[in-house]
PDB file of N, CA and C in Angstrom:
ATOM      1  N   UNK A   1      83.095  76.781 102.503  1.00  0.00           N
ATOM      2  CA  UNK A   1      82.843  78.092 101.935  1.00  0.00           C
ATOM      3  C   UNK A   1      83.696  78.246 100.673  1.00  0.00           C
ATOM      4  N   UNK A   2      83.094  78.780  99.616  1.00  0.00           N
ATOM      5  CA  UNK A   2      83.791  78.974  98.340  1.00  0.00           C
ATOM      6  C   UNK A   2      84.847  80.068  98.486  1.00  0.00           C
ATOM      7  N   UNK A   3      85.933  79.891  97.769  1.00  0.00           N
ATOM      8  CA  UNK A   3      87.009  80.876  97.751  1.00  0.00           C
ATOM      9  C   UNK A   3      86.589  82.004  96.816  1.00  0.00           C
ATOM     10  N   UNK A   4      86.313  83.229  97.344  1.00  0.00           N
ATOM     11  CA  UNK A   4      85.834  84.314  96.482  1.00  0.00           C
ATOM     12  C   UNK A   4      86.853  84.688  95.403  1.00  0.00           C
ATOM     13  N   UNK A   5      86.347  85.081  94.258  1.00  0.00           N
ATOM     14  CA  UNK A   5      87.176  85.540  93.150  1.00  0.00           C
ATOM     15  C   UNK A   5      87.078  87.053  93.091  1.00  0.00           C
ATOM     16  N   UNK A   6      88.218  87.717  92.955  1.00  0.00           N
ATOM     17  CA  UNK A   6      88.292  89.183  92.961  1.00  0.00           C
ATOM     18  C   UNK A   6      88.913  89.646  91.651  1.00  0.00           C
ATOM     19  N   UNK A   7      88.433  90.797  91.150  1.00  0.00           N
ATOM     20  CA  UNK A   7      88.997  91.385  89.938  1.00  0.00           C
ATOM     21  C   UNK A   7      88.942  92.907  90.075  1.00  0.00           C
ATOM     22  N   UNK A   8      89.896  93.593  89.467  1.00  0.00           N
ATOM     23  CA  UNK A   8      89.889  95.060  89.469  1.00  0.00           C
ATOM     24  C   UNK A   8      88.671  95.557  88.701  1.00  0.00           C
ATOM     25  N   UNK A   9      88.117  96.646  89.160  1.00  0.00           N
ATOM     26  CA  UNK A   9      86.960  97.240  88.496  1.00  0.00           C
ATOM     27  C   UNK A   9      87.353  97.772  87.117  1.00  0.00           C
ATOM     28  N   UNK A  10      86.392  97.852  86.243  1.00  0.00           N
ATOM     29  CA  UNK A  10      86.649  98.324  84.881  1.00  0.00           C
ATOM     30  C   UNK A  10      86.765  99.842  84.775  1.00  0.00           C
ATOM     31  N   UNK A  11      86.070 100.581  85.627  1.00  0.00           N
ATOM     32  CA  UNK A  11      85.991 102.040  85.492  1.00  0.00           C
ATOM     33  C   UNK A  11      87.180 102.739  86.147  1.00  0.00           C
ATOM     34  N   UNK A  12      88.375 102.248  85.851  1.00  0.00           N
ATOM     35  CA  UNK A  12      89.597 102.848  86.382  1.00  0.00           C
ATOM     36  C   UNK A  12      90.724 102.676  85.379  1.00  0.00           C
ATOM     37  N   UNK A  13      91.724 103.515  85.541  1.00  0.00           N
ATOM     38  CA  UNK A  13      92.975 103.321  84.815  1.00  0.00           C
ATOM     39  C   UNK A  13      94.095 103.411  85.847  1.00  0.00           C
ATOM     40  N   UNK A  14      95.185 102.736  85.565  1.00  0.00           N
ATOM     41  CA  UNK A  14      96.283 102.746  86.526  1.00  0.00           C
ATOM     42  C   UNK A  14      97.608 102.691  85.789  1.00  0.00           C
ATOM     43  N   UNK A  15      98.663 103.078  86.505  1.00  0.00           N
ATOM     44  CA  UNK A  15     100.008 102.968  85.950  1.00  0.00           C
ATOM     45  C   UNK A  15     100.990 102.670  87.071  1.00  0.00           C
ATOM     46  N   UNK A  16     102.044 101.948  86.707  1.00  0.00           N
ATOM     47  CA  UNK A  16     103.106 101.629  87.656  1.00  0.00           C
ATOM     48  C   UNK A  16     104.026 102.830  87.796  1.00  0.00           C
ATOM     49  N   UNK A  17     104.426 103.099  89.029  1.00  0.00           N
ATOM     50  CA  UNK A  17     105.386 104.161  89.344  1.00  0.00           C
ATOM     51  C   UNK A  17     106.436 103.555  90.254  1.00  0.00           C
ATOM     52  N   UNK A  18     107.524 103.078  89.663  1.00  0.00           N
ATOM     53  CA  UNK A  18     108.561 102.345  90.412  1.00  0.00           C
ATOM     54  C   UNK A  18     107.886 101.133  91.056  1.00  0.00           C
ATOM     55  N   UNK A  19     107.906 101.036  92.394  1.00  0.00           N
ATOM     56  CA  UNK A  19     107.273  99.907  93.089  1.00  0.00           C
ATOM     57  C   UNK A  19     105.840 100.208  93.499  1.00  0.00           C
ATOM     58  N   UNK A  20     105.299 101.328  93.071  1.00  0.00           N
ATOM     59  CA  UNK A  20     103.961 101.741  93.471  1.00  0.00           C
ATOM     60  C   UNK A  20     103.032 101.775  92.264  1.00  0.00           C
ATOM     61  N   UNK A  21     101.755 101.998  92.534  1.00  0.00           N
ATOM     62  CA  UNK A  21     100.756 102.117  91.474  1.00  0.00           C
ATOM     63  C   UNK A  21      99.896 103.336  91.757  1.00  0.00           C
ATOM     64  N   UNK A  22      99.623 104.122  90.724  1.00  0.00           N
ATOM     65  CA  UNK A  22      98.659 105.219  90.803  1.00  0.00           C
ATOM     66  C   UNK A  22      97.410 104.770  90.061  1.00  0.00           C
ATOM     67  N   UNK A  23      96.241 105.038  90.660  1.00  0.00           N
ATOM     68  CA  UNK A  23      94.966 104.593  90.097  1.00  0.00           C
ATOM     69  C   UNK A  23      94.027 105.787  90.013  1.00  0.00           C
ATOM     70  N   UNK A  24      93.370 105.943  88.881  1.00  0.00           N
ATOM     71  CA  UNK A  24      92.352 106.967  88.706  1.00  0.00           C
ATOM     72  C   UNK A  24      91.001 106.279  88.589  1.00  0.00           C
ATOM     73  N   UNK A  25      90.120 106.570  89.523  1.00  0.00           N
ATOM     74  CA  UNK A  25      88.750 106.095  89.463  1.00  0.00           C
ATOM     75  C   UNK A  25      88.023 107.017  88.491  1.00  0.00           C
ATOM     76  N   UNK A  26      87.623 106.485  87.341  1.00  0.00           N
ATOM     77  CA  UNK A  26      87.026 107.308  86.289  1.00  0.00           C
ATOM     78  C   UNK A  26      85.639 107.829  86.652  1.00  0.00           C
ATOM     79  N   UNK A  27      84.909 107.120  87.509  1.00  0.00           N
ATOM     80  CA  UNK A  27      83.592 107.596  87.932  1.00  0.00           C
ATOM     81  C   UNK A  27      83.703 108.784  88.875  1.00  0.00           C
ATOM     82  N   UNK A  28      84.606 108.679  89.849  1.00  0.00           N
ATOM     83  CA  UNK A  28      84.725 109.717  90.870  1.00  0.00           C
ATOM     84  C   UNK A  28      85.740 110.790  90.503  1.00  0.00           C
ATOM     85  N   UNK A  29      86.637 110.491  89.540  1.00  0.00           N
ATOM     86  CA  UNK A  29      87.681 111.443  89.187  1.00  0.00           C
ATOM     87  C   UNK A  29      88.703 111.617  90.285  1.00  0.00           C
ATOM     88  N   UNK A  30      88.925 110.572  91.071  1.00  0.00           N
ATOM     89  CA  UNK A  30      89.826 110.631  92.217  1.00  0.00           C
ATOM     90  C   UNK A  30      91.004 109.697  91.994  1.00  0.00           C
ATOM     91  N   UNK A  31      92.214 110.204  92.282  1.00  0.00           N
ATOM     92  CA  UNK A  31      93.429 109.392  92.231  1.00  0.00           C
ATOM     93  C   UNK A  31      93.662 108.753  93.589  1.00  0.00           C
ATOM     94  N   UNK A  32      94.143 107.538  93.576  1.00  0.00           N
ATOM     95  CA  UNK A  32      94.605 106.866  94.783  1.00  0.00           C
ATOM     96  C   UNK A  32      95.938 106.235  94.467  1.00  0.00           C
ATOM     97  N   UNK A  33      96.684 105.920  95.497  1.00  0.00           N
ATOM     98  CA  UNK A  33      97.987 105.306  95.300  1.00  0.00           C
ATOM     99  C   UNK A  33      98.169 104.097  96.183  1.00  0.00           C
ATOM    100  N   UNK A  34      98.977 103.160  95.705  1.00  0.00           N
ATOM    101  CA  UNK A  34      99.293 101.957  96.457  1.00  0.00           C
ATOM    102  C   UNK A  34     100.799 101.807  96.556  1.00  0.00           C
ATOM    103  N   UNK A  35     101.258 101.366  97.709  1.00  0.00           N
ATOM    104  CA  UNK A  35     102.679 101.084  97.874  1.00  0.00           C
ATOM    105  C   UNK A  35     103.004  99.729  97.245  1.00  0.00           C
ATOM    106  N   UNK A  36     104.186  99.205  97.503  1.00  0.00           N
ATOM    107  CA  UNK A  36     104.652  97.986  96.833  1.00  0.00           C
ATOM    108  C   UNK A  36     103.743  96.784  97.074  1.00  0.00           C
ATOM    109  N   UNK A  37     103.288  96.591  98.297  1.00  0.00           N
ATOM    110  CA  UNK A  37     102.420  95.441  98.584  1.00  0.00           C
ATOM    111  C   UNK A  37     101.079  95.622  97.893  1.00  0.00           C
ATOM    112  N   UNK A  38     100.503  96.797  98.010  1.00  0.00           N
ATOM    113  CA  UNK A  38      99.248  97.074  97.330  1.00  0.00           C
ATOM    114  C   UNK A  38      99.385  96.946  95.826  1.00  0.00           C
ATOM    115  N   UNK A  39     100.539  97.371  95.300  1.00  0.00           N
ATOM    116  CA  UNK A  39     100.779  97.272  93.857  1.00  0.00           C
ATOM    117  C   UNK A  39     100.824  95.812  93.404  1.00  0.00           C
ATOM    118  N   UNK A  40     101.423  94.952  94.216  1.00  0.00           N
ATOM    119  CA  UNK A  40     101.446  93.529  93.874  1.00  0.00           C
ATOM    120  C   UNK A  40     100.028  92.973  93.814  1.00  0.00           C
ATOM    121  N   UNK A  41      99.231  93.291  94.822  1.00  0.00           N
ATOM    122  CA  UNK A  41      97.834  92.835  94.838  1.00  0.00           C
ATOM    123  C   UNK A  41      97.098  93.406  93.629  1.00  0.00           C
ATOM    124  N   UNK A  42      97.277  94.687  93.373  1.00  0.00           N
ATOM    125  CA  UNK A  42      96.601  95.342  92.253  1.00  0.00           C
ATOM    126  C   UNK A  42      96.943  94.656  90.933  1.00  0.00           C
ATOM    127  N   UNK A  43      98.224  94.384  90.729  1.00  0.00           N
ATOM    128  CA  UNK A  43      98.626  93.722  89.490  1.00  0.00           C
ATOM    129  C   UNK A  43      98.050  92.314  89.386  1.00  0.00           C
ATOM    130  N   UNK A  44      97.948  91.624  90.508  1.00  0.00           N
ATOM    131  CA  UNK A  44      97.365  90.281  90.497  1.00  0.00           C
ATOM    132  C   UNK A  44      95.884  90.294  90.117  1.00  0.00           C
ATOM    133  N   UNK A  45      95.162  91.319  90.564  1.00  0.00           N
ATOM    134  CA  UNK A  45      93.705  91.317  90.317  1.00  0.00           C
ATOM    135  C   UNK A  45      93.315  91.984  88.995  1.00  0.00           C
ATOM    136  N   UNK A  46      94.274  92.198  88.128  1.00  0.00           N
ATOM    137  CA  UNK A  46      93.909  92.676  86.790  1.00  0.00           C
ATOM    138  C   UNK A  46      93.183  91.580  86.017  1.00  0.00           C
ATOM    139  N   UNK A  47      93.349  90.352  86.461  1.00  0.00           N
ATOM    140  CA  UNK A  47      92.597  89.203  85.959  1.00  0.00           C
ATOM    141  C   UNK A  47      91.886  88.588  87.158  1.00  0.00           C
ATOM    142  N   UNK A  48      90.720  88.002  86.963  1.00  0.00           N
ATOM    143  CA  UNK A  48      90.029  87.375  88.104  1.00  0.00           C
ATOM    144  C   UNK A  48      90.920  86.339  88.793  1.00  0.00           C
ATOM    145  N   UNK A  49      91.035  86.481  90.115  1.00  0.00           N
ATOM    146  CA  UNK A  49      91.845  85.549  90.915  1.00  0.00           C
ATOM    147  C   UNK A  49      91.113  85.236  92.212  1.00  0.00           C
ATOM    148  N   UNK A  50      91.326  84.040  92.703  1.00  0.00           N
ATOM    149  CA  UNK A  50      90.742  83.689  93.995  1.00  0.00           C
ATOM    150  C   UNK A  50      91.539  84.366  95.098  1.00  0.00           C
ATOM    151  N   UNK A  51      90.864  84.565  96.230  1.00  0.00           N
ATOM    152  CA  UNK A  51      91.553  85.114  97.405  1.00  0.00           C
ATOM    153  C   UNK A  51      92.726  84.215  97.773  1.00  0.00           C
ATOM    154  N   UNK A  52      92.528  82.915  97.661  1.00  0.00           N
ATOM    155  CA  UNK A  52      93.598  81.974  97.988  1.00  0.00           C
ATOM    156  C   UNK A  52      94.819  82.155  97.104  1.00  0.00           C
ATOM    157  N   UNK A  53      94.609  82.384  95.822  1.00  0.00           N
ATOM    158  CA  UNK A  53      95.729  82.587  94.898  1.00  0.00           C
ATOM    159  C   UNK A  53      96.469  83.884  95.212  1.00  0.00           C
ATOM    160  N   UNK A  54      95.724  84.915  95.563  1.00  0.00           N
ATOM    161  CA  UNK A  54      96.356  86.201  95.922  1.00  0.00           C
ATOM    162  C   UNK A  54      97.155  86.029  97.212  1.00  0.00           C
ATOM    163  N   UNK A  55      96.537  85.395  98.203  1.00  0.00           N
ATOM    164  CA  UNK A  55      97.227  85.140  99.469  1.00  0.00           C
ATOM    165  C   UNK A  55      98.513  84.345  99.241  1.00  0.00           C
ATOM    166  N   UNK A  56      98.435  83.296  98.435  1.00  0.00           N
ATOM    167  CA  UNK A  56      99.615  82.466  98.178  1.00  0.00           C
ATOM    168  C   UNK A  56     100.728  83.261  97.507  1.00  0.00           C
ATOM    169  N   UNK A  57     100.376  84.163  96.592  1.00  0.00           N
ATOM    170  CA  UNK A  57     101.387  85.005  95.941  1.00  0.00           C
ATOM    171  C   UNK A  57     102.061  85.919  96.965  1.00  0.00           C
ATOM    172  N   UNK A  58     101.279  86.458  97.889  1.00  0.00           N
ATOM    173  CA  UNK A  58     101.847  87.311  98.940  1.00  0.00           C
ATOM    174  C   UNK A  58     102.764  86.504  99.861  1.00  0.00           C
ATOM    175  N   UNK A  59     102.348  85.297 100.203  1.00  0.00           N
ATOM    176  CA  UNK A  59     103.167  84.450 101.075  1.00  0.00           C
ATOM    177  C   UNK A  59     104.476  84.059 100.400  1.00  0.00           C
ATOM    178  N   UNK A  60     104.447  83.906  99.070  1.00  0.00           N
ATOM    179  CA  UNK A  60     105.676  83.607  98.329  1.00  0.00           C
ATOM    180  C   UNK A  60     106.637  84.790  98.332  1.00  0.00           C
ATOM    181  N   UNK A  61     106.083  85.995  98.364  1.00  0.00           N
ATOM    182  CA  UNK A  61     106.898  87.209  98.247  1.00  0.00           C
ATOM    183  C   UNK A  61     107.343  87.768  99.598  1.00  0.00           C
ATOM    184  N   UNK A  62     106.533  87.597 100.641  1.00  0.00           N
ATOM    185  CA  UNK A  62     106.789  88.232 101.930  1.00  0.00           C
ATOM    186  C   UNK A  62     106.838  87.213 103.062  1.00  0.00           C
ATOM    187  N   UNK A  63     107.605  87.542 104.086  1.00  0.00           N
ATOM    188  CA  UNK A  63     107.695  86.728 105.285  1.00  0.00           C
ATOM    189  C   UNK A  63     106.610  87.207 106.249  1.00  0.00           C
ATOM    190  N   UNK A  64     105.470  86.531 106.223  1.00  0.00           N
ATOM    191  CA  UNK A  64     104.327  86.946 107.035  1.00  0.00           C
ATOM    192  C   UNK A  64     103.550  85.699 107.440  1.00  0.00           C
ATOM    193  N   UNK A  65     102.948  85.737 108.611  1.00  0.00           N
ATOM    194  CA  UNK A  65     102.114  84.643 109.082  1.00  0.00           C
ATOM    195  C   UNK A  65     100.911  84.490 108.142  1.00  0.00           C
ATOM    196  N   UNK A  66     100.588  83.273 107.704  1.00  0.00           N
ATOM    197  CA  UNK A  66      99.487  83.075 106.758  1.00  0.00           C
ATOM    198  C   UNK A  66      98.138  83.629 107.229  1.00  0.00           C
ATOM    199  N   UNK A  67      97.822  83.479 108.508  1.00  0.00           N
ATOM    200  CA  UNK A  67      96.545  84.003 109.012  1.00  0.00           C
ATOM    201  C   UNK A  67      96.528  85.525 108.988  1.00  0.00           C
ATOM    202  N   UNK A  68      97.630  86.126 109.377  1.00  0.00           N
ATOM    203  CA  UNK A  68      97.726  87.596 109.336  1.00  0.00           C
ATOM    204  C   UNK A  68      97.623  88.086 107.893  1.00  0.00           C
ATOM    205  N   UNK A  69      98.307  87.398 106.996  1.00  0.00           N
ATOM    206  CA  UNK A  69      98.280  87.757 105.582  1.00  0.00           C
ATOM    207  C   UNK A  69      96.846  87.731 105.049  1.00  0.00           C
ATOM    208  N   UNK A  70      96.134  86.658 105.318  1.00  0.00           N
ATOM    209  CA  UNK A  70      94.771  86.547 104.811  1.00  0.00           C
ATOM    210  C   UNK A  70      93.848  87.597 105.413  1.00  0.00           C
ATOM    211  N   UNK A  71      93.975  87.839 106.721  1.00  0.00           N
ATOM    212  CA  UNK A  71      93.147  88.861 107.368  1.00  0.00           C
ATOM    213  C   UNK A  71      93.407  90.239 106.800  1.00  0.00           C
ATOM    214  N   UNK A  72      94.689  90.562 106.607  1.00  0.00           N
ATOM    215  CA  UNK A  72      95.035  91.872 106.057  1.00  0.00           C
ATOM    216  C   UNK A  72      94.638  91.991 104.592  1.00  0.00           C
ATOM    217  N   UNK A  73      94.741  90.900 103.848  1.00  0.00           N
ATOM    218  CA  UNK A  73      94.295  90.907 102.455  1.00  0.00           C
ATOM    219  C   UNK A  73      92.799  91.177 102.380  1.00  0.00           C
ATOM    220  N   UNK A  74      92.027  90.513 103.217  1.00  0.00           N
ATOM    221  CA  UNK A  74      90.562  90.742 103.235  1.00  0.00           C
ATOM    222  C   UNK A  74      90.247  92.199 103.584  1.00  0.00           C
ATOM    223  N   UNK A  75      90.958  92.745 104.566  1.00  0.00           N
ATOM    224  CA  UNK A  75      90.730  94.143 104.961  1.00  0.00           C
ATOM    225  C   UNK A  75      91.088  95.092 103.819  1.00  0.00           C
ATOM    226  N   UNK A  76      92.205  94.830 103.155  1.00  0.00           N
ATOM    227  CA  UNK A  76      92.638  95.663 102.037  1.00  0.00           C
ATOM    228  C   UNK A  76      91.606  95.643 100.908  1.00  0.00           C
ATOM    229  N   UNK A  77      91.150  94.452 100.532  1.00  0.00           N
ATOM    230  CA  UNK A  77      90.150  94.345  99.460  1.00  0.00           C
ATOM    231  C   UNK A  77      88.825  94.952  99.870  1.00  0.00           C
ATOM    232  N   UNK A  78      88.517  94.896 101.155  1.00  0.00           N
ATOM    233  CA  UNK A  78      87.277  95.515 101.646  1.00  0.00           C
ATOM    234  C   UNK A  78      87.313  97.026 101.466  1.00  0.00           C
ATOM    235  N   UNK A  79      88.506  97.623 101.447  1.00  0.00           N
ATOM    236  CA  UNK A  79      88.637  99.059 101.202  1.00  0.00           C
ATOM    237  C   UNK A  79      88.496  99.351  99.709  1.00  0.00           C
ATOM    238  N   UNK A  80      89.039  98.483  98.864  1.00  0.00           N
ATOM    239  CA  UNK A  80      88.956  98.715  97.422  1.00  0.00           C
ATOM    240  C   UNK A  80      87.521  98.649  96.905  1.00  0.00           C
ATOM    241  N   UNK A  81      86.715  97.761  97.458  1.00  0.00           N
ATOM    242  CA  UNK A  81      85.352  97.591  96.947  1.00  0.00           C
ATOM    243  C   UNK A  81      84.484  98.839  97.082  1.00  0.00           C
ATOM    244  N   UNK A  82      84.396  99.455  98.266  1.00  0.00           N
ATOM    245  CA  UNK A  82      83.514 100.624  98.383  1.00  0.00           C
ATOM    246  C   UNK A  82      83.928 101.812  97.513  1.00  0.00           C
ATOM    247  N   UNK A  83      85.212 101.942  97.229  1.00  0.00           N
ATOM    248  CA  UNK A  83      85.630 103.057  96.375  1.00  0.00           C
ATOM    249  C   UNK A  83      85.696 102.621  94.912  1.00  0.00           C
ATOM    250  N   UNK A  84      85.083 101.482  94.652  1.00  0.00           N
ATOM    251  CA  UNK A  84      84.855 100.973  93.297  1.00  0.00           C
ATOM    252  C   UNK A  84      86.127 100.730  92.496  1.00  0.00           C
ATOM    253  N   UNK A  85      87.137 100.204  93.178  1.00  0.00           N
ATOM    254  CA  UNK A  85      88.363  99.850  92.484  1.00  0.00           C
ATOM    255  C   UNK A  85      88.506  98.343  92.313  1.00  0.00           C
ATOM    256  N   UNK A  86      87.729  97.585  93.062  1.00  0.00           N
ATOM    257  CA  UNK A  86      87.737  96.126  92.917  1.00  0.00           C
ATOM    258  C   UNK A  86      86.330  95.624  93.201  1.00  0.00           C
ATOM    259  N   UNK A  87      86.054  94.434  92.696  1.00  0.00           N
ATOM    260  CA  UNK A  87      84.755  93.830  92.961  1.00  0.00           C
ATOM    261  C   UNK A  87      84.917  92.321  92.989  1.00  0.00           C
ATOM    262  N   UNK A  88      83.972  91.685  93.662  1.00  0.00           N
ATOM    263  CA  UNK A  88      83.934  90.240  93.575  1.00  0.00           C
ATOM    264  C   UNK A  88      83.534  89.908  92.157  1.00  0.00           C
ATOM    265  N   UNK A  89      84.167  88.935  91.582  1.00  0.00           N
ATOM    266  CA  UNK A  89      83.905  88.572  90.190  1.00  0.00           C
ATOM    267  C   UNK A  89      82.436  88.225  90.022  1.00  0.00           C
ATOM    268  N   UNK A  90      81.790  88.858  89.057  1.00  0.00           N
ATOM    269  CA  UNK A  90      80.379  88.637  88.817  1.00  0.00           C
ATOM    270  C   UNK A  90      79.497  89.650  89.536  1.00  0.00           C
ATOM    271  N   UNK A  91      80.024  90.380  90.507  1.00  0.00           N
ATOM    272  CA  UNK A  91      79.258  91.373  91.252  1.00  0.00           C
ATOM    273  C   UNK A  91      79.078  92.627  90.406  1.00  0.00           C
ATOM    274  N   UNK A  92      77.935  93.298  90.553  1.00  0.00           N
ATOM    275  CA  UNK A  92      77.676  94.510  89.774  1.00  0.00           C
ATOM    276  C   UNK A  92      77.740  95.786  90.590  1.00  0.00           C
ATOM    277  N   UNK A  93      77.650  95.677  91.924  1.00  0.00           N
ATOM    278  CA  UNK A  93      77.543  96.896  92.721  1.00  0.00           C
ATOM    279  C   UNK A  93      78.600  96.979  93.802  1.00  0.00           C
ATOM    280  N   UNK A  94      78.981  98.186  94.108  1.00  0.00           N
ATOM    281  CA  UNK A  94      79.827  98.466  95.270  1.00  0.00           C
ATOM    282  C   UNK A  94      79.236  99.703  95.920  1.00  0.00           C
ATOM    283  N   UNK A  95      79.345  99.838  97.236  1.00  0.00           N
ATOM    284  CA  UNK A  95      78.721 100.963  97.929  1.00  0.00           C
ATOM    285  C   UNK A  95      79.713 101.703  98.806  1.00  0.00           C
ATOM    286  N   UNK A  96      79.319 102.927  99.175  1.00  0.00           N
ATOM    287  CA  UNK A  96      80.071 103.688 100.164  1.00  0.00           C
ATOM    288  C   UNK A  96      81.259 104.439  99.599  1.00  0.00           C
ATOM    289  N   UNK A  97      82.054 104.972 100.501  1.00  0.00           N
ATOM    290  CA  UNK A  97      83.252 105.725 100.131  1.00  0.00           C
ATOM    291  C   UNK A  97      84.298 105.529 101.216  1.00  0.00           C
ATOM    292  N   UNK A  98      85.519 105.304 100.819  1.00  0.00           N
ATOM    293  CA  UNK A  98      86.625 105.151 101.759  1.00  0.00           C
ATOM    294  C   UNK A  98      87.898 105.608 101.060  1.00  0.00           C
ATOM    295  N   UNK A  99      88.944 105.746 101.783  1.00  0.00           N
ATOM    296  CA  UNK A  99      90.234 106.118 101.207  1.00  0.00           C
ATOM    297  C   UNK A  99      91.130 104.900 101.186  1.00  0.00           C
ATOM    298  N   UNK A 100      92.119 104.917 100.324  1.00  0.00           N
ATOM    299  CA  UNK A 100      93.035 103.795 100.181  1.00  0.00           C
ATOM    300  C   UNK A 100      93.866 103.610 101.435  1.00  0.00           C
ATOM    301  N   UNK A 101      94.045 102.360 101.824  1.00  0.00           N
ATOM    302  CA  UNK A 101      94.895 102.035 102.972  1.00  0.00           C
ATOM    303  C   UNK A 101      96.317 101.780 102.509  1.00  0.00           C
ATOM    304  N   UNK A 102      97.246 102.017 103.377  1.00  0.00           N
ATOM    305  CA  UNK A 102      98.633 101.653 103.110  1.00  0.00           C
ATOM    306  C   UNK A 102      98.773 100.154 103.239  1.00  0.00           C
ATOM    307  N   UNK A 103      99.941  99.668 102.953  1.00  0.00           N
ATOM    308  CA  UNK A 103     100.156  98.220 103.004  1.00  0.00           C
ATOM    309  C   UNK A 103     100.013  97.708 104.426  1.00  0.00           C
ATOM    310  N   UNK A 104      99.644  96.450 104.526  1.00  0.00           N
ATOM    311  CA  UNK A 104      99.501  95.793 105.804  1.00  0.00           C
ATOM    312  C   UNK A 104     100.669  94.869 106.100  1.00  0.00           C
ATOM    313  N   UNK A 105     101.464  94.571 105.112  1.00  0.00           N
ATOM    314  CA  UNK A 105     102.501  93.553 105.246  1.00  0.00           C
ATOM    315  C   UNK A 105     103.848  94.205 105.003  1.00  0.00           C
ATOM    316  N   UNK A 106     104.810  93.893 105.831  1.00  0.00           N
ATOM    317  CA  UNK A 106     106.144  94.470 105.645  1.00  0.00           C
ATOM    318  C   UNK A 106     107.050  93.452 104.975  1.00  0.00           C
ATOM    319  N   UNK A 107     107.889  93.939 104.114  1.00  0.00           N
ATOM    320  CA  UNK A 107     108.830  93.068 103.395  1.00  0.00           C
ATOM    321  C   UNK A 107     109.874  92.547 104.382  1.00  0.00           C
ATOM    322  N   UNK A 108     110.222  91.276 104.223  1.00  0.00           N
ATOM    323  CA  UNK A 108     111.207  90.670 105.132  1.00  0.00           C
ATOM    324  C   UNK A 108     112.630  90.992 104.706  1.00  0.00           C
TER     325      UNK A 108
END
């Protein structure tokens, strides 16, 4: 199976706030926030990156089981897609509505 490539959606603006990130979805006019782990992922996906590269960056930064890390990363990105904050690279559509999740990984 190919390693999916993920990138932040274009119709948003964001800014760093200490270890967190605030994001404004320009289509919906809704702000969301990410804690430190989410902010790291968010900063990584400002350029197209494979899931594997994102997972590896998280494993370098946090003490977490690799399988748990990957599962939680997939769940986190699955939340970003429906609220149109991230997309699979090359994808044009996202559906549904959800709220931002807090981090899944705790710093060691």
